[in-house]
N, C-alpha and C. Protein backbone atom coordinates (compact mmCIF):
# COMPACT_ATOMS: atom_id res chain seq x y z
N UNK A 1 16.48 -1.14 -7.00
CA UNK A 1 15.07 -1.51 -6.87
C UNK A 1 14.23 -0.26 -7.03
N UNK A 2 13.10 -0.43 -7.62
CA UNK A 2 12.18 0.66 -7.87
C UNK A 2 11.54 1.14 -6.56
N UNK A 3 11.39 2.45 -6.45
CA UNK A 3 10.65 3.06 -5.36
C UNK A 3 9.37 3.62 -5.95
N UNK A 4 8.26 3.41 -5.26
CA UNK A 4 6.97 3.85 -5.79
C UNK A 4 6.05 4.24 -4.64
N UNK A 5 4.94 4.86 -5.00
CA UNK A 5 3.90 5.23 -4.05
C UNK A 5 2.75 4.23 -4.19
N UNK A 6 2.24 3.73 -3.09
CA UNK A 6 1.06 2.87 -3.13
C UNK A 6 -0.13 3.70 -3.61
N UNK A 7 -0.82 3.20 -4.62
CA UNK A 7 -1.98 3.91 -5.17
C UNK A 7 -3.13 3.99 -4.18
N UNK A 8 -3.18 3.09 -3.23
CA UNK A 8 -4.30 3.02 -2.28
C UNK A 8 -4.07 3.88 -1.04
N UNK A 9 -2.90 3.72 -0.40
CA UNK A 9 -2.70 4.41 0.89
C UNK A 9 -1.63 5.50 0.86
N UNK A 10 -0.85 5.58 -0.21
CA UNK A 10 0.15 6.64 -0.32
C UNK A 10 1.49 6.35 0.29
N UNK A 11 1.68 5.15 0.82
CA UNK A 11 2.96 4.80 1.44
C UNK A 11 4.03 4.65 0.36
N UNK A 12 5.25 5.07 0.67
CA UNK A 12 6.39 4.80 -0.19
C UNK A 12 6.75 3.33 0.00
N UNK A 13 6.92 2.61 -1.12
CA UNK A 13 7.19 1.18 -1.05
C UNK A 13 8.24 0.80 -2.09
N UNK A 14 8.71 -0.41 -2.00
CA UNK A 14 9.66 -0.93 -2.98
C UNK A 14 8.90 -1.67 -4.07
N UNK A 15 9.12 -1.27 -5.31
CA UNK A 15 8.48 -1.93 -6.44
C UNK A 15 7.15 -1.31 -6.79
N UNK A 16 7.00 -0.91 -8.04
CA UNK A 16 5.75 -0.30 -8.49
C UNK A 16 4.60 -1.30 -8.50
N UNK A 17 4.90 -2.56 -8.84
CA UNK A 17 3.85 -3.56 -9.01
C UNK A 17 3.74 -4.50 -7.82
N UNK A 18 4.43 -4.23 -6.74
CA UNK A 18 4.39 -5.09 -5.56
C UNK A 18 3.22 -4.72 -4.66
N UNK A 19 2.85 -5.64 -3.79
CA UNK A 19 1.79 -5.32 -2.82
C UNK A 19 2.36 -4.37 -1.77
N UNK A 20 1.50 -3.55 -1.23
CA UNK A 20 1.91 -2.57 -0.22
C UNK A 20 2.05 -3.27 1.14
N UNK A 21 3.17 -3.06 1.82
CA UNK A 21 3.33 -3.69 3.13
C UNK A 21 2.41 -3.11 4.20
N UNK A 22 1.86 -1.91 3.97
CA UNK A 22 0.95 -1.32 4.95
C UNK A 22 -0.51 -1.74 4.73
N UNK A 23 -1.01 -1.56 3.52
CA UNK A 23 -2.45 -1.80 3.30
C UNK A 23 -2.73 -3.07 2.49
N UNK A 24 -1.69 -3.66 1.89
CA UNK A 24 -1.87 -4.89 1.13
C UNK A 24 -2.32 -4.71 -0.30
N UNK A 25 -2.58 -3.47 -0.72
CA UNK A 25 -3.03 -3.24 -2.10
C UNK A 25 -1.96 -3.66 -3.09
N UNK A 26 -2.38 -4.39 -4.13
CA UNK A 26 -1.48 -4.80 -5.20
C UNK A 26 -2.12 -4.42 -6.53
N UNK A 27 -1.47 -3.53 -7.28
CA UNK A 27 -2.06 -3.13 -8.55
C UNK A 27 -2.17 -4.32 -9.50
N UNK A 28 -3.24 -4.34 -10.28
CA UNK A 28 -3.41 -5.40 -11.28
C UNK A 28 -4.16 -4.81 -12.46
N UNK A 29 -3.99 -5.44 -13.59
CA UNK A 29 -4.60 -4.97 -14.81
C UNK A 29 -3.80 -3.82 -15.41
N UNK A 30 -3.91 -3.63 -16.70
CA UNK A 30 -3.11 -2.62 -17.38
C UNK A 30 -3.28 -1.20 -16.84
N UNK A 31 -4.48 -0.81 -16.46
CA UNK A 31 -4.69 0.55 -15.98
C UNK A 31 -3.96 0.81 -14.66
N UNK A 32 -4.17 -0.05 -13.68
CA UNK A 32 -3.51 0.14 -12.38
C UNK A 32 -1.99 -0.01 -12.50
N UNK A 33 -1.54 -0.95 -13.32
CA UNK A 33 -0.09 -1.13 -13.48
C UNK A 33 0.54 0.10 -14.12
N UNK A 34 -0.14 0.69 -15.09
CA UNK A 34 0.37 1.92 -15.72
C UNK A 34 0.40 3.05 -14.70
N UNK A 35 -0.64 3.19 -13.91
CA UNK A 35 -0.66 4.23 -12.88
C UNK A 35 0.48 4.02 -11.88
N UNK A 36 0.70 2.76 -11.50
CA UNK A 36 1.76 2.45 -10.53
C UNK A 36 3.14 2.82 -11.08
N UNK A 37 3.36 2.60 -12.36
CA UNK A 37 4.64 2.98 -12.97
C UNK A 37 4.79 4.49 -12.96
N UNK A 38 3.70 5.21 -13.21
CA UNK A 38 3.77 6.68 -13.26
C UNK A 38 4.05 7.30 -11.90
N UNK A 39 3.77 6.59 -10.81
CA UNK A 39 4.10 7.12 -9.48
C UNK A 39 5.27 6.34 -8.90
N UNK A 40 6.26 6.12 -9.76
CA UNK A 40 7.49 5.44 -9.34
C UNK A 40 8.69 6.28 -9.73
N UNK A 41 9.86 5.84 -9.26
CA UNK A 41 11.07 6.59 -9.59
C UNK A 41 11.53 6.38 -11.02
N UNK A 42 10.75 5.64 -11.81
CA UNK A 42 11.02 5.58 -13.24
C UNK A 42 10.62 6.89 -13.91
N UNK A 43 9.71 7.63 -13.26
CA UNK A 43 9.22 8.89 -13.81
C UNK A 43 9.45 10.09 -12.91
N UNK A 44 9.53 9.88 -11.60
CA UNK A 44 9.57 11.01 -10.67
C UNK A 44 10.68 10.84 -9.64
N UNK A 45 11.17 11.95 -9.13
CA UNK A 45 12.17 11.93 -8.07
C UNK A 45 11.57 11.61 -6.72
N UNK A 46 12.42 11.25 -5.78
CA UNK A 46 11.98 10.84 -4.44
C UNK A 46 11.14 11.92 -3.74
N UNK A 47 11.57 13.17 -3.84
CA UNK A 47 10.83 14.24 -3.16
C UNK A 47 9.42 14.39 -3.73
N UNK A 48 9.29 14.27 -5.03
CA UNK A 48 7.97 14.36 -5.66
C UNK A 48 7.11 13.16 -5.25
N UNK A 49 7.71 11.97 -5.22
CA UNK A 49 6.96 10.78 -4.79
C UNK A 49 6.46 10.94 -3.36
N UNK A 50 7.30 11.45 -2.49
CA UNK A 50 6.88 11.66 -1.09
C UNK A 50 5.74 12.66 -1.01
N UNK A 51 5.80 13.73 -1.80
CA UNK A 51 4.72 14.72 -1.80
C UNK A 51 3.44 14.12 -2.35
N UNK A 52 3.55 13.29 -3.38
CA UNK A 52 2.36 12.65 -3.93
C UNK A 52 1.75 11.67 -2.92
N UNK A 53 2.60 10.95 -2.21
CA UNK A 53 2.11 10.05 -1.18
C UNK A 53 1.37 10.80 -0.08
N UNK A 54 1.91 11.94 0.30
CA UNK A 54 1.25 12.76 1.33
C UNK A 54 -0.12 13.23 0.83
N UNK A 55 -0.21 13.65 -0.42
CA UNK A 55 -1.51 14.09 -0.96
C UNK A 55 -2.50 12.93 -0.99
N UNK A 56 -2.02 11.73 -1.33
CA UNK A 56 -2.89 10.55 -1.33
C UNK A 56 -3.40 10.28 0.09
N UNK A 57 -2.53 10.37 1.07
CA UNK A 57 -2.94 10.12 2.46
C UNK A 57 -3.95 11.15 2.95
N UNK A 58 -3.92 12.35 2.37
CA UNK A 58 -4.90 13.38 2.72
C UNK A 58 -6.23 13.17 1.98
N UNK A 59 -6.26 12.18 1.08
CA UNK A 59 -7.50 11.87 0.38
C UNK A 59 -7.65 12.54 -0.98
N UNK A 60 -6.60 13.21 -1.45
CA UNK A 60 -6.69 13.82 -2.78
C UNK A 60 -6.67 12.73 -3.85
N UNK A 61 -7.51 12.88 -4.87
CA UNK A 61 -7.56 11.85 -5.93
C UNK A 61 -6.32 11.93 -6.82
N UNK A 62 -5.95 10.78 -7.37
CA UNK A 62 -4.85 10.75 -8.34
C UNK A 62 -5.30 11.43 -9.62
N UNK A 63 -4.38 12.18 -10.22
CA UNK A 63 -4.65 12.80 -11.52
C UNK A 63 -3.47 12.47 -12.42
N UNK A 64 -3.73 11.65 -13.43
CA UNK A 64 -2.70 11.22 -14.36
C UNK A 64 -2.93 11.87 -15.72
N UNK A 65 -1.86 12.36 -16.35
CA UNK A 65 -2.03 12.88 -17.72
C UNK A 65 -2.52 11.75 -18.63
N UNK A 66 -3.69 11.92 -19.23
CA UNK A 66 -4.32 10.83 -19.98
C UNK A 66 -3.44 10.33 -21.11
N UNK A 67 -2.79 11.22 -21.84
CA UNK A 67 -1.94 10.80 -22.95
C UNK A 67 -0.79 9.93 -22.49
N UNK A 68 -0.13 10.32 -21.41
CA UNK A 68 0.99 9.54 -20.87
C UNK A 68 0.49 8.20 -20.32
N UNK A 69 -0.64 8.23 -19.63
CA UNK A 69 -1.22 7.00 -19.10
C UNK A 69 -1.55 6.03 -20.24
N UNK A 70 -2.09 6.55 -21.33
CA UNK A 70 -2.42 5.70 -22.48
C UNK A 70 -1.16 5.06 -23.07
N UNK A 71 -0.09 5.82 -23.20
CA UNK A 71 1.16 5.30 -23.78
C UNK A 71 1.73 4.19 -22.90
N UNK A 72 1.77 4.43 -21.60
CA UNK A 72 2.32 3.42 -20.68
C UNK A 72 1.44 2.18 -20.67
N UNK A 73 0.13 2.35 -20.62
CA UNK A 73 -0.80 1.21 -20.64
C UNK A 73 -0.62 0.39 -21.92
N UNK A 74 -0.54 1.05 -23.06
CA UNK A 74 -0.36 0.33 -24.33
C UNK A 74 0.95 -0.45 -24.34
N UNK A 75 2.00 0.11 -23.80
CA UNK A 75 3.30 -0.58 -23.74
C UNK A 75 3.20 -1.80 -22.85
N UNK A 76 2.51 -1.66 -21.72
CA UNK A 76 2.34 -2.80 -20.80
C UNK A 76 1.54 -3.91 -21.48
N UNK A 77 0.44 -3.56 -22.12
CA UNK A 77 -0.39 -4.56 -22.79
C UNK A 77 0.41 -5.29 -23.87
N UNK A 78 1.28 -4.57 -24.56
CA UNK A 78 2.05 -5.16 -25.65
C UNK A 78 3.20 -6.05 -25.18
N UNK A 79 3.65 -5.86 -23.94
CA UNK A 79 4.87 -6.54 -23.51
C UNK A 79 4.75 -7.43 -22.28
N UNK A 80 3.69 -7.30 -21.52
CA UNK A 80 3.59 -8.01 -20.25
C UNK A 80 2.49 -9.06 -20.30
N UNK A 81 2.82 -10.33 -20.04
CA UNK A 81 1.76 -11.35 -19.94
C UNK A 81 1.06 -11.26 -18.58
N UNK A 82 -0.24 -11.54 -18.57
CA UNK A 82 -1.04 -11.45 -17.35
C UNK A 82 -1.66 -12.79 -17.01
N UNK A 83 -1.92 -12.99 -15.71
CA UNK A 83 -2.70 -14.16 -15.33
C UNK A 83 -4.17 -13.81 -15.44
N UNK A 84 -5.05 -14.74 -15.10
CA UNK A 84 -6.49 -14.53 -15.27
C UNK A 84 -7.05 -13.44 -14.37
N UNK A 85 -6.32 -13.04 -13.33
CA UNK A 85 -6.77 -11.98 -12.43
C UNK A 85 -6.20 -10.61 -12.79
N UNK A 86 -5.37 -10.57 -13.83
CA UNK A 86 -4.78 -9.30 -14.24
C UNK A 86 -3.45 -8.99 -13.61
N UNK A 87 -2.86 -9.95 -12.89
CA UNK A 87 -1.54 -9.74 -12.31
C UNK A 87 -0.48 -10.10 -13.34
N UNK A 88 0.60 -9.33 -13.37
CA UNK A 88 1.66 -9.65 -14.34
C UNK A 88 2.34 -10.96 -13.98
N UNK A 89 2.60 -11.76 -15.00
CA UNK A 89 3.35 -13.00 -14.81
C UNK A 89 4.83 -12.67 -14.83
N UNK A 90 5.62 -13.52 -14.20
CA UNK A 90 7.07 -13.37 -14.30
C UNK A 90 7.43 -13.43 -15.78
N UNK A 91 8.40 -12.63 -16.18
CA UNK A 91 8.72 -12.52 -17.60
C UNK A 91 9.21 -13.85 -18.18
N UNK A 92 9.70 -14.76 -17.36
CA UNK A 92 10.14 -16.05 -17.87
C UNK A 92 9.06 -17.12 -17.76
N UNK A 93 7.86 -16.72 -17.33
CA UNK A 93 6.74 -17.65 -17.18
C UNK A 93 5.74 -17.39 -18.31
N UNK A 94 5.49 -18.37 -19.16
CA UNK A 94 4.55 -18.14 -20.28
C UNK A 94 3.12 -18.02 -19.77
N UNK A 95 2.28 -17.30 -20.52
CA UNK A 95 0.88 -17.22 -20.12
C UNK A 95 0.21 -18.59 -20.18
N UNK A 96 -0.81 -18.76 -19.39
CA UNK A 96 -1.54 -20.03 -19.39
C UNK A 96 -2.15 -20.27 -20.76
N UNK A 97 -2.12 -21.51 -21.22
CA UNK A 97 -2.72 -21.80 -22.54
C UNK A 97 -4.22 -21.57 -22.51
N UNK A 98 -4.75 -21.12 -23.63
CA UNK A 98 -6.19 -20.94 -23.75
C UNK A 98 -6.72 -21.98 -24.74
N UNK A 99 -7.90 -22.50 -24.49
CA UNK A 99 -8.45 -23.50 -25.42
C UNK A 99 -8.65 -22.88 -26.80
N UNK A 100 -8.30 -23.61 -27.84
CA UNK A 100 -8.52 -23.12 -29.19
C UNK A 100 -9.95 -23.41 -29.59
N UNK A 101 -10.37 -22.80 -30.68
CA UNK A 101 -11.74 -23.02 -31.17
C UNK A 101 -11.97 -24.49 -31.49
N UNK A 102 -10.92 -25.20 -31.92
CA UNK A 102 -11.05 -26.62 -32.26
C UNK A 102 -11.37 -27.48 -31.05
N UNK A 103 -10.92 -27.05 -29.86
CA UNK A 103 -11.13 -27.83 -28.64
C UNK A 103 -12.48 -27.54 -28.01
N UNK A 104 -13.11 -26.44 -28.39
CA UNK A 104 -14.36 -26.03 -27.75
C UNK A 104 -15.54 -26.86 -28.20
């Protein structure tokens, strides 16, 4: 299971895209989901994640390399279906149908 840092409170949690058990924050939308992946063990070791969480708890702002953030965001947009609120759908769940121009 993925280990990640909550973008809101800095707690170490299970799953980059899961809600935080401490503060309830749940990343949504391509930008937050990309940031959440970048502060997970997919990119960083446990010690670095813990240090980043500590900095977040001290109120330091997140600083993401823009180029890397752009690449991860683009990959998410290309591969992950979203619901109307920007939350990722289960990979086996198709996106909700949208009305076609003919139905409008």
